[in-house]
Amino acid sequence: NSPAQDIATILDMISLRIDLSNIFTMTNERYMYQFRGMICYYGLHYSAFFWNSEMRQWFSFDDMNVKEVGADWAVIRDKC
């Protein structure tokens, strides 16, 4: 039952490039990764959004449907 603005604020904080050395205690080397997907739960319903690096597109997965959403993270934010 989170307000849409709260969800948008959290999604705005997600960086699509993640340096794991900023999160975990590791060596002095940088470990850069790309954020590739997430699973969402809302109203007794699950959906997922994942990045396809070959097609350079985000896809949504919802029950039996898979849809190409677009190349921009803002589209995912709006869908959530």
C-alpha atoms as a PDB file:
ATOM      1  CA  ASN A   1       0.000   0.000   0.000  1.00  0.00           C
ATOM      2  CA  SER A   2       2.942   2.321  -0.530  1.00  0.00           C
ATOM      3  CA  PRO A   3       2.157   5.635  -2.170  1.00  0.00           C
ATOM      4  CA  ALA A   4       3.305   5.923  -5.780  1.00  0.00           C
ATOM      5  CA  GLN A   5       5.647   8.802  -4.889  1.00  0.00           C
ATOM      6  CA  ASP A   6       7.452   6.659  -2.277  1.00  0.00           C
ATOM      7  CA  ILE A   7       7.992   3.904  -4.845  1.00  0.00           C
ATOM      8  CA  ALA A   8       9.251   6.438  -7.406  1.00  0.00           C
ATOM      9  CA  THR A   9      11.669   7.924  -4.864  1.00  0.00           C
ATOM     10  CA  ILE A  10      13.184   4.516  -4.112  1.00  0.00           C
ATOM     11  CA  LEU A  11      13.492   3.645  -7.806  1.00  0.00           C
ATOM     12  CA  ASP A  12      15.203   6.991  -8.438  1.00  0.00           C
ATOM     13  CA  MET A  13      17.894   5.969  -5.921  1.00  0.00           C
ATOM     14  CA  ILE A  14      18.851   2.847  -7.887  1.00  0.00           C
ATOM     15  CA  SER A  15      22.033   3.300  -9.847  1.00  0.00           C
ATOM     16  CA  LEU A  16      22.325   1.189 -12.985  1.00  0.00           C
ATOM     17  CA  ARG A  17      26.102   0.945 -12.421  1.00  0.00           C
ATOM     18  CA  ILE A  18      27.012  -0.599  -9.063  1.00  0.00           C
ATOM     19  CA  ASP A  19      30.493  -0.634  -7.532  1.00  0.00           C
ATOM     20  CA  LEU A  20      30.374  -3.551  -5.091  1.00  0.00           C
ATOM     21  CA  SER A  21      33.497  -2.301  -3.331  1.00  0.00           C
ATOM     22  CA  ASN A  22      31.312   0.537  -1.997  1.00  0.00           C
ATOM     23  CA  ILE A  23      28.923  -1.987  -0.480  1.00  0.00           C
ATOM     24  CA  PHE A  24      31.174  -4.821   0.721  1.00  0.00           C
ATOM     25  CA  THR A  25      34.583  -4.781   2.367  1.00  0.00           C
ATOM     26  CA  MET A  26      36.877  -6.031  -0.374  1.00  0.00           C
ATOM     27  CA  THR A  27      40.275  -5.344  -1.848  1.00  0.00           C
ATOM     28  CA  ASN A  28      41.079  -1.871  -3.120  1.00  0.00           C
ATOM     29  CA  GLU A  29      40.008  -2.919  -6.607  1.00  0.00           C
ATOM     30  CA  ARG A  30      36.731  -1.680  -8.040  1.00  0.00           C
ATOM     31  CA  TYR A  31      34.117  -4.261  -8.949  1.00  0.00           C
ATOM     32  CA  MET A  32      31.672  -2.610 -11.337  1.00  0.00           C
ATOM     33  CA  TYR A  33      28.422  -4.351 -12.209  1.00  0.00           C
ATOM     34  CA  GLN A  34      25.309  -3.405 -14.108  1.00  0.00           C
ATOM     35  CA  PHE A  35      21.910  -3.529 -12.438  1.00  0.00           C
ATOM     36  CA  ARG A  36      20.032  -6.064 -14.569  1.00  0.00           C
ATOM     37  CA  GLY A  37      16.731  -6.762 -12.940  1.00  0.00           C
ATOM     38  CA  MET A  38      14.334  -6.851 -10.069  1.00  0.00           C
ATOM     39  CA  ILE A  39      11.268  -8.682  -8.864  1.00  0.00           C
ATOM     40  CA  CYS A  40       8.369  -6.588  -7.602  1.00  0.00           C
ATOM     41  CA  TYR A  41       5.442  -7.485  -5.382  1.00  0.00           C
ATOM     42  CA  TYR A  42       2.305  -5.410  -5.135  1.00  0.00           C
ATOM     43  CA  GLY A  43      -1.283  -6.281  -4.340  1.00  0.00           C
ATOM     44  CA  LEU A  44      -0.751 -10.066  -4.095  1.00  0.00           C
ATOM     45  CA  HIS A  45       0.912 -10.004  -7.493  1.00  0.00           C
ATOM     46  CA  TYR A  46       4.516 -10.477  -8.652  1.00  0.00           C
ATOM     47  CA  SER A  47       6.109  -8.939 -11.705  1.00  0.00           C
ATOM     48  CA  ALA A  48       9.712  -8.708 -12.837  1.00  0.00           C
ATOM     49  CA  PHE A  49      11.799  -6.384 -14.955  1.00  0.00           C
ATOM     50  CA  PHE A  50      15.081  -7.514 -16.504  1.00  0.00           C
ATOM     51  CA  TRP A  51      17.644  -6.030 -18.870  1.00  0.00           C
ATOM     52  CA  ASN A  52      18.625  -7.951 -22.008  1.00  0.00           C
ATOM     53  CA  SER A  53      22.172  -6.822 -22.838  1.00  0.00           C
ATOM     54  CA  GLU A  54      22.137  -8.296 -26.351  1.00  0.00           C
ATOM     55  CA  MET A  55      18.955  -6.455 -27.343  1.00  0.00           C
ATOM     56  CA  ARG A  56      19.755  -3.483 -25.087  1.00  0.00           C
ATOM     57  CA  GLN A  57      16.145  -3.445 -23.849  1.00  0.00           C
ATOM     58  CA  TRP A  58      14.240  -3.847 -20.603  1.00  0.00           C
ATOM     59  CA  PHE A  59      11.584  -6.565 -20.496  1.00  0.00           C
ATOM     60  CA  SER A  60       8.646  -7.015 -18.144  1.00  0.00           C
ATOM     61  CA  PHE A  61       7.535 -10.449 -16.984  1.00  0.00           C
ATOM     62  CA  ASP A  62       4.013 -10.737 -15.659  1.00  0.00           C
ATOM     63  CA  ASP A  63       2.440 -14.155 -15.128  1.00  0.00           C
ATOM     64  CA  MET A  64       2.532 -15.660 -18.632  1.00  0.00           C
ATOM     65  CA  ASN A  65       3.393 -12.442 -20.507  1.00  0.00           C
ATOM     66  CA  VAL A  66       6.808 -11.166 -21.535  1.00  0.00           C
ATOM     67  CA  LYS A  67       6.890  -7.697 -23.060  1.00  0.00           C
ATOM     68  CA  GLU A  68       9.652  -5.507 -24.398  1.00  0.00           C
ATOM     69  CA  VAL A  69       9.435  -2.278 -22.426  1.00  0.00           C
ATOM     70  CA  GLY A  70      12.222  -0.070 -23.781  1.00  0.00           C
ATOM     71  CA  ALA A  71      15.843   0.935 -23.345  1.00  0.00           C
ATOM     72  CA  ASP A  72      15.328   3.641 -20.724  1.00  0.00           C
ATOM     73  CA  TRP A  73      15.187   2.999 -16.958  1.00  0.00           C
ATOM     74  CA  ALA A  74      12.592   5.787 -16.660  1.00  0.00           C
ATOM     75  CA  VAL A  75      10.079   3.527 -18.455  1.00  0.00           C
ATOM     76  CA  ILE A  76      10.551   0.874 -15.762  1.00  0.00           C
ATOM     77  CA  ARG A  77      10.156   3.466 -13.039  1.00  0.00           C
ATOM     78  CA  ASP A  78       6.886   4.645 -14.554  1.00  0.00           C
ATOM     79  CA  LYS A  79       5.538   1.084 -14.838  1.00  0.00           C
ATOM     80  CA  CYS A  80       6.272   0.418 -11.174  1.00  0.00           C
END
